[in-house]
Amino acid sequence: MDIIEHYRALLKNSDIVIETMVGATGANEALITSHNYLLDYDSIKMAIANRPEVAVLDSAVKEYQFALFALTSGQYRHAFGGLRLFFELMLATVQFSAHEIDYRMWAKDSKDINWNALKDPQGGVFSTNFIRAFNPAFADCGKQYLAIAEAVYRECSEFVHGNAGTHVILPADIVFQKQAFFSWHEKAETMRLAIIFAFSARYLNYVTKEATDRMEPIITDALGNLPPVQAMFSQPAMG
């Protein structure tokens, strides 16, 4: 078998993965849900479209789409790695909004995105200090979303770093693996909650009424149990 045929055979295996996935109970619904999260991120993008850090969000969404493609192709380790990168970039968008010089340096390849800075309890995007500066009503809720963010990031990192347990879970060949498939979607859902919280806490006081109205169903779906969200969206419309 020549080299080209070798890779054609791998692509055929990916086709088999998709066909097997289609026949798995609940798989189509999970894929549709995760794919439709792109609509949420598009609404967030429109809300901050005039800000420089929106370029980071664009990069994040691109990585999310690649991660989804890897997932449906049976490339599970790469799918988890891409999902982690997406999460970093989305939270970096929020962090850069408060530190434009860091964004400018990142855009010139002079500064890296640092997970420890993103989750820092004193100045990260879920910290009381950061949230209080933009939306004090959300400040008391940050710790619980920081815990969520740290846990899901750590779980994806296990695949990136090749922890022993991941070699047990993931197949040696390109085949459909139900556990890995559904685990990815669970992590994507968890990340969505943390992302929507971070963006809401940072931007809701600074976007247009049109953007707020567009984001309301997304925010209430994800964060409707939070008192500041209930307070914000239960107010009667001004005549």
Protein backbone atom coordinates (compact mmCIF):
# COMPACT_ATOMS: atom_id res chain seq x y z
CA MET A 1 0.00 0.00 0.00
CA ASP A 2 1.46 3.35 -0.97
CA ILE A 3 1.33 6.38 1.29
CA ILE A 4 -1.66 8.00 -0.42
CA GLU A 5 -3.68 4.80 -0.15
CA HIS A 6 -2.77 4.56 3.52
CA TYR A 7 -4.37 7.93 4.25
CA ARG A 8 -7.33 7.21 2.00
CA ALA A 9 -7.97 4.13 4.13
CA LEU A 10 -7.90 6.29 7.27
CA LEU A 11 -10.44 8.66 5.72
CA LYS A 12 -12.69 5.70 4.95
CA ASN A 13 -12.46 4.71 8.59
CA SER A 14 -13.64 8.19 9.53
CA ASP A 15 -16.65 7.72 7.24
CA ILE A 16 -17.43 4.50 9.11
CA VAL A 17 -17.19 6.40 12.42
CA ILE A 18 -19.83 8.87 11.24
CA GLU A 19 -22.15 6.12 10.04
CA THR A 20 -21.80 4.27 13.34
CA MET A 21 -22.39 7.49 15.24
CA VAL A 22 -25.63 8.11 13.34
CA GLY A 23 -26.93 4.77 14.56
CA ALA A 24 -26.05 5.33 18.22
CA THR A 25 -28.92 6.27 20.52
CA GLY A 26 -28.85 9.96 21.37
CA ALA A 27 -25.76 10.72 19.30
CA ASN A 28 -27.50 12.81 16.64
CA GLU A 29 -29.25 14.89 19.27
CA ALA A 30 -25.99 15.48 21.14
CA LEU A 31 -24.22 16.55 17.95
CA ILE A 32 -27.04 18.91 16.93
CA THR A 33 -27.04 20.52 20.38
CA SER A 34 -23.29 21.07 20.41
CA HIS A 35 -23.32 22.37 16.84
CA ASN A 36 -26.12 24.79 17.66
CA TYR A 37 -24.03 26.33 20.43
CA LEU A 38 -22.38 28.13 17.52
CA LEU A 39 -25.54 30.24 17.29
CA ASP A 40 -25.02 31.34 20.90
CA TYR A 41 -21.44 32.32 20.20
CA ASP A 42 -22.54 34.21 17.10
CA SER A 43 -24.91 36.26 19.26
CA ILE A 44 -22.11 37.01 21.68
CA LYS A 45 -19.91 38.05 18.77
CA MET A 46 -22.55 40.46 17.48
CA ALA A 47 -22.84 42.00 20.95
CA ILE A 48 -19.11 42.85 21.05
CA ALA A 49 -18.52 43.22 17.31
CA ASN A 50 -16.98 46.68 17.62
CA ARG A 51 -14.40 45.69 20.22
CA PRO A 52 -10.85 44.61 19.27
CA GLU A 53 -10.95 41.38 21.27
CA VAL A 54 -13.69 40.00 19.01
CA ALA A 55 -10.87 38.67 16.84
CA VAL A 56 -9.98 36.26 19.64
CA LEU A 57 -13.58 35.04 19.77
CA ASP A 58 -13.43 34.39 16.03
CA SER A 59 -10.35 32.23 16.55
CA ALA A 60 -12.09 30.39 19.38
CA VAL A 61 -15.13 29.55 17.29
CA LYS A 62 -12.92 28.28 14.48
CA GLU A 63 -11.20 25.92 16.92
CA TYR A 64 -14.58 24.74 18.21
CA GLN A 65 -15.63 23.83 14.69
CA PHE A 66 -12.39 21.93 14.11
CA ALA A 67 -12.89 20.11 17.41
CA LEU A 68 -16.39 19.08 16.36
CA PHE A 69 -15.03 17.83 13.05
CA ALA A 70 -12.35 15.83 14.83
CA LEU A 71 -15.01 14.35 17.09
CA THR A 72 -17.21 13.19 14.23
CA SER A 73 -14.15 11.76 12.47
CA GLY A 74 -13.14 9.62 15.42
CA GLN A 75 -10.10 11.77 16.28
CA TYR A 76 -11.05 11.94 19.94
CA ARG A 77 -7.81 13.11 21.53
CA HIS A 78 -7.59 15.98 19.06
CA ALA A 79 -11.25 16.76 19.66
CA PHE A 80 -10.65 17.21 23.38
CA GLY A 81 -7.51 19.22 22.71
CA GLY A 82 -9.36 21.51 20.34
CA LEU A 83 -12.16 21.95 22.85
CA ARG A 84 -9.67 23.00 25.51
CA LEU A 85 -8.07 25.54 23.16
CA PHE A 86 -11.51 26.90 22.32
CA PHE A 87 -12.22 27.38 26.02
CA GLU A 88 -8.93 29.17 26.60
CA LEU A 89 -9.55 31.53 23.70
CA MET A 90 -13.12 32.33 24.75
CA LEU A 91 -12.07 33.22 28.28
CA ALA A 92 -9.06 35.12 26.94
CA THR A 93 -11.51 37.25 24.94
CA VAL A 94 -13.02 38.39 28.24
CA GLN A 95 -9.62 38.84 29.89
CA PHE A 96 -8.28 40.88 26.97
CA SER A 97 -11.31 43.19 27.13
CA ALA A 98 -9.93 44.52 30.42
CA HIS A 99 -6.27 44.40 29.37
CA GLU A 100 -6.08 45.67 25.81
CA ILE A 101 -2.31 45.97 25.91
CA ASP A 102 -2.13 42.21 26.54
CA TYR A 103 -4.40 41.63 23.54
CA ARG A 104 -2.22 43.84 21.34
CA MET A 105 0.88 41.95 22.46
CA TRP A 106 -0.84 38.60 21.87
CA ALA A 107 -1.85 39.70 18.38
CA LYS A 108 1.81 40.49 17.67
CA ASP A 109 2.98 37.11 19.06
CA SER A 110 4.63 38.87 21.99
CA LYS A 111 2.47 37.34 24.72
CA ASP A 112 0.92 33.93 25.33
CA ILE A 113 -2.53 33.15 26.67
CA ASN A 114 -1.98 31.80 30.16
CA TRP A 115 -4.53 29.53 31.82
CA ASN A 116 -3.25 30.36 35.29
CA ALA A 117 -3.92 34.04 34.63
CA LEU A 118 -7.40 33.32 33.28
CA LYS A 119 -8.38 31.41 36.43
CA ASP A 120 -6.44 33.52 38.92
CA PRO A 121 -8.64 34.00 42.02
CA GLN A 122 -7.49 37.59 42.42
CA GLY A 123 -7.59 38.94 38.88
CA GLY A 124 -8.90 36.24 36.53
CA VAL A 125 -12.18 36.45 34.67
CA PHE A 126 -14.12 34.68 37.44
CA SER A 127 -12.51 36.60 40.30
CA THR A 128 -14.54 38.88 42.54
CA ASN A 129 -12.28 41.82 41.70
CA PHE A 130 -12.68 41.39 37.94
CA ILE A 131 -16.43 40.86 38.00
CA ARG A 132 -17.09 43.64 40.51
CA ALA A 133 -15.36 46.11 38.21
CA PHE A 134 -17.91 45.47 35.45
CA ASN A 135 -21.04 44.01 37.00
CA PRO A 136 -21.09 43.88 40.83
CA ALA A 137 -24.37 41.95 40.87
CA PHE A 138 -22.55 38.92 39.45
CA ALA A 139 -19.55 39.08 41.79
CA ASP A 140 -20.84 36.60 44.37
CA CYS A 141 -21.44 33.95 41.71
CA GLY A 142 -17.93 33.86 40.28
CA LYS A 143 -16.46 31.20 42.55
CA GLN A 144 -18.89 28.50 41.51
CA TYR A 145 -18.18 29.10 37.81
CA LEU A 146 -14.46 29.19 38.45
CA ALA A 147 -14.75 25.74 40.01
CA ILE A 148 -16.70 24.53 36.98
CA ALA A 149 -14.15 26.02 34.58
CA GLU A 150 -11.17 24.53 36.41
CA ALA A 151 -12.71 21.06 36.50
CA VAL A 152 -13.63 20.86 32.81
CA TYR A 153 -10.30 22.36 31.73
CA ARG A 154 -8.45 19.77 33.82
CA GLU A 155 -10.50 16.94 32.31
CA CYS A 156 -9.64 18.06 28.77
CA SER A 157 -6.00 18.52 29.75
CA GLU A 158 -5.79 14.84 30.63
CA PHE A 159 -6.27 14.07 26.93
CA VAL A 160 -3.84 16.79 25.82
CA HIS A 161 -1.10 15.51 28.13
CA GLY A 162 -1.75 11.87 27.32
CA ASN A 163 -2.57 10.75 30.85
CA ALA A 164 -2.60 6.97 31.23
CA GLY A 165 -6.35 6.81 31.78
CA THR A 166 -7.03 8.40 28.42
CA HIS A 167 -5.17 5.62 26.63
CA VAL A 168 -7.55 3.15 28.25
CA ILE A 169 -10.63 5.11 27.17
CA LEU A 170 -9.63 5.98 23.63
CA PRO A 171 -9.55 3.35 20.87
CA ALA A 172 -6.28 2.41 19.23
CA ASP A 173 -7.87 2.66 15.78
CA ILE A 174 -10.25 5.13 14.15
CA VAL A 175 -13.56 3.74 15.36
CA PHE A 176 -16.62 5.16 17.08
CA GLN A 177 -16.17 5.27 20.84
CA LYS A 178 -19.45 6.03 22.58
CA GLN A 179 -18.02 7.04 25.96
CA ALA A 180 -15.55 9.52 24.50
CA PHE A 181 -18.17 10.91 22.13
CA PHE A 182 -20.72 11.71 24.82
CA SER A 183 -18.05 12.89 27.25
CA TRP A 184 -16.98 15.52 24.72
CA HIS A 185 -20.52 16.87 24.46
CA GLU A 186 -20.88 17.00 28.23
CA LYS A 187 -17.71 19.07 28.44
CA ALA A 188 -18.87 21.38 25.64
CA GLU A 189 -22.10 21.99 27.55
CA THR A 190 -20.22 22.74 30.76
CA MET A 191 -17.90 25.14 28.97
CA ARG A 192 -20.90 26.94 27.48
CA LEU A 193 -22.24 27.65 30.98
CA ALA A 194 -18.92 29.06 32.17
CA ILE A 195 -18.46 31.10 28.99
CA ILE A 196 -21.93 32.62 29.08
CA PHE A 197 -21.42 33.54 32.74
CA ALA A 198 -18.06 35.19 32.04
CA PHE A 199 -19.39 37.15 29.06
CA SER A 200 -22.56 38.18 30.92
CA ALA A 201 -20.64 39.41 33.94
CA ARG A 202 -18.23 41.35 31.76
CA TYR A 203 -20.41 42.81 29.02
CA LEU A 204 -24.09 42.95 29.96
CA ASN A 205 -23.79 46.46 31.40
CA TYR A 206 -22.02 47.70 28.27
CA VAL A 207 -23.92 46.36 25.25
CA THR A 208 -26.85 47.80 23.37
CA LYS A 209 -30.47 47.07 24.20
CA GLU A 210 -30.70 45.17 20.91
CA ALA A 211 -27.75 42.98 21.88
CA THR A 212 -29.19 42.38 25.34
CA ASP A 213 -32.52 41.32 23.87
CA ARG A 214 -30.77 38.97 21.46
CA MET A 215 -28.75 37.40 24.26
CA GLU A 216 -31.59 37.19 26.80
CA PRO A 217 -32.87 33.70 25.83
CA ILE A 218 -29.30 32.37 25.77
CA ILE A 219 -28.44 33.82 29.16
CA THR A 220 -31.68 32.83 30.85
CA ASP A 221 -31.37 29.29 29.47
CA ALA A 222 -27.85 28.92 30.88
CA LEU A 223 -28.00 31.13 33.97
CA GLY A 224 -31.68 31.57 34.71
CA ASN A 225 -31.25 30.28 38.25
CA LEU A 226 -28.89 33.12 39.22
CA PRO A 227 -30.46 36.02 41.18
CA PRO A 228 -28.73 38.77 39.14
CA VAL A 229 -30.02 37.23 35.89
CA GLN A 230 -33.53 36.92 37.30
CA ALA A 231 -33.40 40.51 38.49
CA MET A 232 -32.14 41.83 35.17
CA PHE A 233 -34.60 40.06 32.91
CA SER A 234 -37.67 40.21 35.11
CA GLN A 235 -37.74 44.00 34.97
CA PRO A 236 -40.69 45.34 32.96
CA ALA A 237 -39.85 46.88 29.61
CA MET A 238 -39.67 50.67 29.60
CA GLY A 239 -42.42 52.34 27.62
